[in-house]
Amino acid sequence: MVKREGNSISKLESKFQSDLIKELKDMFPGSIVLKNDPNYIQGIPDLTIFWNNKWATLEVKKSAKATQRPNQEYYVNTMREMSYSSFIYPENKEAVLLELQRSFGS
């Protein structure tokens, strides 16, 4: 399978994101997981998770080596100050999900 970097999300990242959304919904029953529009505000994290009275954002990457887009680090850091926010990719998924559980108090 050929991956084109010109796509907004590569096939690998898209599959990882789709599987991650399912896992988040299972991990946090009753949660709302939104896919954010990358064209609305450049750099806003890909996912917002609402669970009970908590929220978090995750910027999904296909790998630890994937490049960051302009403003992504700024928004992840800013939202981390407000609640919980992180870059997530296959190599750090388990650690990030554990941190998210702690942040949500579950």
N, C-alpha and C. Protein backbone atom coordinates (compact mmCIF):
# COMPACT_ATOMS: atom_id res chain seq x y z
N MET A 1 0.85 -1.18 0.00
CA MET A 1 0.00 0.00 0.00
C MET A 1 0.89 1.24 0.00
N VAL A 2 0.61 2.16 -0.87
CA VAL A 2 1.38 3.40 -0.96
C VAL A 2 0.68 4.48 -0.15
N LYS A 3 1.46 5.13 0.71
CA LYS A 3 0.91 6.24 1.50
C LYS A 3 1.37 7.54 0.89
N ARG A 4 0.46 8.43 0.67
CA ARG A 4 0.80 9.73 0.11
C ARG A 4 0.79 10.75 1.23
N GLU A 5 1.89 11.45 1.39
CA GLU A 5 1.98 12.47 2.44
C GLU A 5 1.04 13.64 2.18
N GLY A 6 0.60 13.81 0.95
CA GLY A 6 -0.28 14.90 0.63
C GLY A 6 -1.66 14.77 1.26
N ASN A 7 -2.05 13.54 1.64
CA ASN A 7 -3.34 13.34 2.29
C ASN A 7 -3.33 14.02 3.65
N SER A 8 -4.50 14.50 4.09
CA SER A 8 -4.54 15.17 5.38
C SER A 8 -4.22 14.18 6.51
N ILE A 9 -4.62 12.94 6.36
CA ILE A 9 -4.29 11.91 7.33
C ILE A 9 -3.90 10.67 6.54
N SER A 10 -2.74 10.10 6.83
CA SER A 10 -2.33 8.89 6.11
C SER A 10 -3.25 7.73 6.50
N LYS A 11 -3.24 6.70 5.69
CA LYS A 11 -4.06 5.51 5.96
C LYS A 11 -3.72 4.92 7.33
N LEU A 12 -2.44 4.85 7.66
CA LEU A 12 -2.01 4.29 8.93
C LEU A 12 -2.54 5.11 10.10
N GLU A 13 -2.43 6.43 10.01
CA GLU A 13 -2.92 7.30 11.08
C GLU A 13 -4.43 7.21 11.21
N SER A 14 -5.12 7.16 10.08
CA SER A 14 -6.58 7.07 10.08
C SER A 14 -7.05 5.80 10.78
N LYS A 15 -6.41 4.67 10.52
CA LYS A 15 -6.76 3.39 11.15
C LYS A 15 -6.47 3.45 12.64
N PHE A 16 -5.32 3.99 13.01
CA PHE A 16 -4.97 4.12 14.43
C PHE A 16 -6.00 4.99 15.14
N GLN A 17 -6.40 6.11 14.51
CA GLN A 17 -7.38 7.01 15.11
C GLN A 17 -8.73 6.33 15.28
N SER A 18 -9.17 5.62 14.26
CA SER A 18 -10.45 4.92 14.32
C SER A 18 -10.47 3.89 15.45
N ASP A 19 -9.41 3.09 15.54
CA ASP A 19 -9.31 2.10 16.62
C ASP A 19 -9.23 2.77 17.99
N LEU A 20 -8.53 3.89 18.06
CA LEU A 20 -8.39 4.63 19.32
C LEU A 20 -9.75 5.16 19.79
N ILE A 21 -10.55 5.69 18.88
CA ILE A 21 -11.87 6.20 19.25
C ILE A 21 -12.72 5.08 19.87
N LYS A 22 -12.70 3.91 19.26
CA LYS A 22 -13.44 2.76 19.81
C LYS A 22 -12.94 2.40 21.20
N GLU A 23 -11.62 2.39 21.36
CA GLU A 23 -11.05 2.06 22.66
C GLU A 23 -11.41 3.10 23.72
N LEU A 24 -11.39 4.37 23.37
CA LEU A 24 -11.77 5.42 24.31
C LEU A 24 -13.22 5.28 24.75
N LYS A 25 -14.10 4.98 23.80
CA LYS A 25 -15.53 4.81 24.14
C LYS A 25 -15.74 3.62 25.05
N ASP A 26 -14.96 2.55 24.86
CA ASP A 26 -15.05 1.39 25.75
C ASP A 26 -14.46 1.70 27.12
N MET A 27 -13.38 2.44 27.14
CA MET A 27 -12.68 2.77 28.38
C MET A 27 -13.50 3.73 29.25
N PHE A 28 -14.22 4.64 28.59
CA PHE A 28 -15.01 5.66 29.29
C PHE A 28 -16.46 5.56 28.83
N PRO A 29 -17.22 4.60 29.39
CA PRO A 29 -18.61 4.39 28.97
C PRO A 29 -19.44 5.67 29.10
N GLY A 30 -20.20 5.96 28.07
CA GLY A 30 -21.02 7.16 28.07
C GLY A 30 -20.29 8.41 27.62
N SER A 31 -19.02 8.26 27.28
CA SER A 31 -18.25 9.42 26.84
C SER A 31 -18.69 9.88 25.45
N ILE A 32 -18.34 11.10 25.13
CA ILE A 32 -18.53 11.65 23.79
C ILE A 32 -17.14 11.93 23.25
N VAL A 33 -16.84 11.33 22.11
CA VAL A 33 -15.53 11.53 21.47
C VAL A 33 -15.78 12.23 20.14
N LEU A 34 -15.24 13.44 20.03
CA LEU A 34 -15.42 14.23 18.82
C LEU A 34 -14.14 14.27 18.00
N LYS A 35 -14.30 14.15 16.68
CA LYS A 35 -13.18 14.39 15.76
C LYS A 35 -13.26 15.86 15.37
N ASN A 36 -12.21 16.59 15.67
CA ASN A 36 -12.21 18.03 15.39
C ASN A 36 -11.84 18.31 13.94
N ASP A 37 -12.38 19.39 13.42
CA ASP A 37 -12.15 19.80 12.03
C ASP A 37 -10.79 20.49 11.92
N PRO A 38 -9.84 19.86 11.22
CA PRO A 38 -8.50 20.45 11.12
C PRO A 38 -8.47 21.74 10.30
N ASN A 39 -9.53 22.01 9.57
CA ASN A 39 -9.58 23.23 8.76
C ASN A 39 -10.17 24.41 9.51
N TYR A 40 -10.75 24.16 10.69
CA TYR A 40 -11.38 25.24 11.45
C TYR A 40 -10.32 26.09 12.16
N ILE A 41 -9.50 25.46 12.98
CA ILE A 41 -8.39 26.15 13.65
C ILE A 41 -7.16 25.28 13.44
N GLN A 42 -6.19 25.80 12.73
CA GLN A 42 -4.97 25.04 12.44
C GLN A 42 -4.25 24.68 13.72
N GLY A 43 -4.01 23.38 13.91
CA GLY A 43 -3.26 22.92 15.07
C GLY A 43 -4.10 22.40 16.22
N ILE A 44 -5.41 22.59 16.17
CA ILE A 44 -6.27 22.06 17.24
C ILE A 44 -6.14 20.53 17.24
N PRO A 45 -6.02 19.91 18.42
CA PRO A 45 -5.89 18.46 18.47
C PRO A 45 -7.03 17.73 17.75
N ASP A 46 -6.72 16.52 17.29
CA ASP A 46 -7.65 15.74 16.48
C ASP A 46 -8.92 15.33 17.22
N LEU A 47 -8.78 14.95 18.49
CA LEU A 47 -9.92 14.41 19.24
C LEU A 47 -10.17 15.19 20.52
N THR A 48 -11.45 15.34 20.85
CA THR A 48 -11.85 15.86 22.15
C THR A 48 -12.72 14.80 22.80
N ILE A 49 -12.42 14.49 24.05
CA ILE A 49 -13.15 13.48 24.80
C ILE A 49 -13.85 14.17 25.96
N PHE A 50 -15.16 13.96 26.06
CA PHE A 50 -15.95 14.46 27.20
C PHE A 50 -16.43 13.26 27.98
N TRP A 51 -16.17 13.25 29.28
CA TRP A 51 -16.62 12.15 30.12
C TRP A 51 -16.97 12.70 31.49
N ASN A 52 -18.21 12.47 31.88
CA ASN A 52 -18.74 13.05 33.12
C ASN A 52 -18.47 14.55 33.12
N ASN A 53 -17.77 15.07 34.11
CA ASN A 53 -17.48 16.50 34.15
C ASN A 53 -16.05 16.81 33.72
N LYS A 54 -15.43 15.90 32.96
CA LYS A 54 -14.04 16.05 32.53
C LYS A 54 -13.97 16.14 31.00
N TRP A 55 -12.86 16.69 30.52
CA TRP A 55 -12.60 16.70 29.08
C TRP A 55 -11.10 16.61 28.85
N ALA A 56 -10.75 16.17 27.65
CA ALA A 56 -9.35 16.06 27.27
C ALA A 56 -9.25 16.15 25.75
N THR A 57 -8.06 16.44 25.26
CA THR A 57 -7.83 16.42 23.81
C THR A 57 -6.60 15.56 23.52
N LEU A 58 -6.64 14.94 22.34
CA LEU A 58 -5.52 14.11 21.89
C LEU A 58 -5.18 14.45 20.46
N GLU A 59 -3.91 14.65 20.20
CA GLU A 59 -3.40 14.84 18.84
C GLU A 59 -2.84 13.50 18.39
N VAL A 60 -3.48 12.90 17.40
CA VAL A 60 -3.13 11.56 16.94
C VAL A 60 -2.05 11.63 15.87
N LYS A 61 -1.02 10.82 16.06
CA LYS A 61 0.07 10.71 15.09
C LYS A 61 0.27 9.25 14.73
N LYS A 62 0.72 9.00 13.52
CA LYS A 62 0.91 7.61 13.07
C LYS A 62 2.12 6.96 13.72
N SER A 63 3.08 7.76 14.18
CA SER A 63 4.26 7.23 14.85
C SER A 63 4.93 8.34 15.66
N ALA A 64 5.86 7.93 16.50
CA ALA A 64 6.60 8.90 17.32
C ALA A 64 7.43 9.83 16.45
N LYS A 65 7.77 9.38 15.24
CA LYS A 65 8.62 10.17 14.34
C LYS A 65 7.82 11.08 13.40
N ALA A 66 6.50 11.00 13.45
CA ALA A 66 5.67 11.82 12.56
C ALA A 66 5.87 13.30 12.86
N THR A 67 5.87 14.09 11.83
CA THR A 67 6.08 15.53 12.01
C THR A 67 4.85 16.20 12.59
N GLN A 68 5.09 17.27 13.32
CA GLN A 68 4.00 18.07 13.87
C GLN A 68 3.67 19.18 12.90
N ARG A 69 2.42 19.51 12.82
CA ARG A 69 1.96 20.62 12.01
C ARG A 69 2.10 21.91 12.81
N PRO A 70 2.09 23.07 12.10
CA PRO A 70 2.16 24.35 12.82
C PRO A 70 1.05 24.45 13.87
N ASN A 71 1.40 24.95 15.01
CA ASN A 71 0.51 25.24 16.13
C ASN A 71 0.08 24.02 16.94
N GLN A 72 0.37 22.80 16.51
CA GLN A 72 -0.08 21.63 17.27
C GLN A 72 0.51 21.60 18.67
N GLU A 73 1.80 21.81 18.78
CA GLU A 73 2.43 21.80 20.10
C GLU A 73 1.85 22.90 20.99
N TYR A 74 1.61 24.08 20.40
CA TYR A 74 1.03 25.19 21.16
C TYR A 74 -0.33 24.79 21.76
N TYR A 75 -1.21 24.23 20.93
CA TYR A 75 -2.55 23.88 21.42
C TYR A 75 -2.52 22.72 22.40
N VAL A 76 -1.69 21.72 22.17
CA VAL A 76 -1.58 20.62 23.12
C VAL A 76 -1.09 21.15 24.47
N ASN A 77 -0.07 21.98 24.47
CA ASN A 77 0.44 22.55 25.72
C ASN A 77 -0.57 23.45 26.40
N THR A 78 -1.26 24.29 25.63
CA THR A 78 -2.27 25.19 26.19
C THR A 78 -3.42 24.41 26.82
N MET A 79 -3.89 23.39 26.12
CA MET A 79 -5.01 22.59 26.65
C MET A 79 -4.58 21.71 27.80
N ARG A 80 -3.32 21.33 27.85
CA ARG A 80 -2.80 20.56 28.99
C ARG A 80 -2.87 21.41 30.25
N GLU A 81 -2.68 22.71 30.12
CA GLU A 81 -2.79 23.62 31.28
C GLU A 81 -4.24 23.71 31.76
N MET A 82 -5.19 23.54 30.86
CA MET A 82 -6.61 23.64 31.20
C MET A 82 -7.19 22.35 31.76
N SER A 83 -6.75 21.23 31.19
CA SER A 83 -7.30 19.92 31.54
C SER A 83 -6.24 18.87 31.25
N TYR A 84 -6.49 18.00 30.28
CA TYR A 84 -5.50 17.01 29.86
C TYR A 84 -5.40 17.07 28.34
N SER A 85 -4.17 17.03 27.84
CA SER A 85 -3.94 17.01 26.40
C SER A 85 -2.59 16.36 26.14
N SER A 86 -2.50 15.62 25.03
CA SER A 86 -1.26 14.94 24.72
C SER A 86 -1.22 14.56 23.25
N PHE A 87 -0.01 14.37 22.76
CA PHE A 87 0.19 13.69 21.48
C PHE A 87 0.08 12.21 21.79
N ILE A 88 -0.55 11.45 20.89
CA ILE A 88 -0.67 10.01 21.08
C ILE A 88 -0.32 9.31 19.78
N TYR A 89 0.45 8.24 19.89
CA TYR A 89 0.86 7.44 18.73
C TYR A 89 1.05 6.02 19.26
N PRO A 90 1.16 5.04 18.36
CA PRO A 90 1.22 3.66 18.83
C PRO A 90 2.29 3.40 19.89
N GLU A 91 3.43 4.04 19.79
CA GLU A 91 4.52 3.79 20.72
C GLU A 91 4.24 4.29 22.15
N ASN A 92 3.37 5.28 22.32
CA ASN A 92 3.10 5.79 23.68
C ASN A 92 1.64 5.63 24.09
N LYS A 93 0.87 4.91 23.29
CA LYS A 93 -0.58 4.82 23.53
C LYS A 93 -0.92 4.35 24.93
N GLU A 94 -0.31 3.28 25.39
CA GLU A 94 -0.66 2.74 26.71
C GLU A 94 -0.36 3.75 27.82
N ALA A 95 0.77 4.42 27.74
CA ALA A 95 1.14 5.41 28.77
C ALA A 95 0.17 6.59 28.75
N VAL A 96 -0.20 7.07 27.56
CA VAL A 96 -1.13 8.20 27.44
C VAL A 96 -2.51 7.81 27.98
N LEU A 97 -2.99 6.62 27.63
CA LEU A 97 -4.30 6.19 28.12
C LEU A 97 -4.30 6.03 29.63
N LEU A 98 -3.20 5.59 30.20
CA LEU A 98 -3.10 5.50 31.66
C LEU A 98 -3.14 6.90 32.28
N GLU A 99 -2.41 7.84 31.70
CA GLU A 99 -2.45 9.23 32.19
C GLU A 99 -3.86 9.81 32.06
N LEU A 100 -4.52 9.51 30.97
CA LEU A 100 -5.89 10.01 30.76
C LEU A 100 -6.83 9.44 31.81
N GLN A 101 -6.70 8.15 32.11
CA GLN A 101 -7.52 7.54 33.18
C GLN A 101 -7.27 8.25 34.51
N ARG A 102 -6.03 8.52 34.81
CA ARG A 102 -5.72 9.22 36.07
C ARG A 102 -6.32 10.63 36.08
N SER A 103 -6.20 11.30 34.94
CA SER A 103 -6.75 12.66 34.83
C SER A 103 -8.26 12.66 35.02
N PHE A 104 -8.91 11.64 34.47
CA PHE A 104 -10.37 11.53 34.58
C PHE A 104 -10.80 10.94 35.92
N GLY A 105 -9.84 10.46 36.72
CA GLY A 105 -10.16 9.90 38.02
C GLY A 105 -10.89 8.58 37.94
N SER A 106 -10.61 7.81 36.88
CA SER A 106 -11.29 6.52 36.75
C SER A 106 -10.39 5.37 37.15
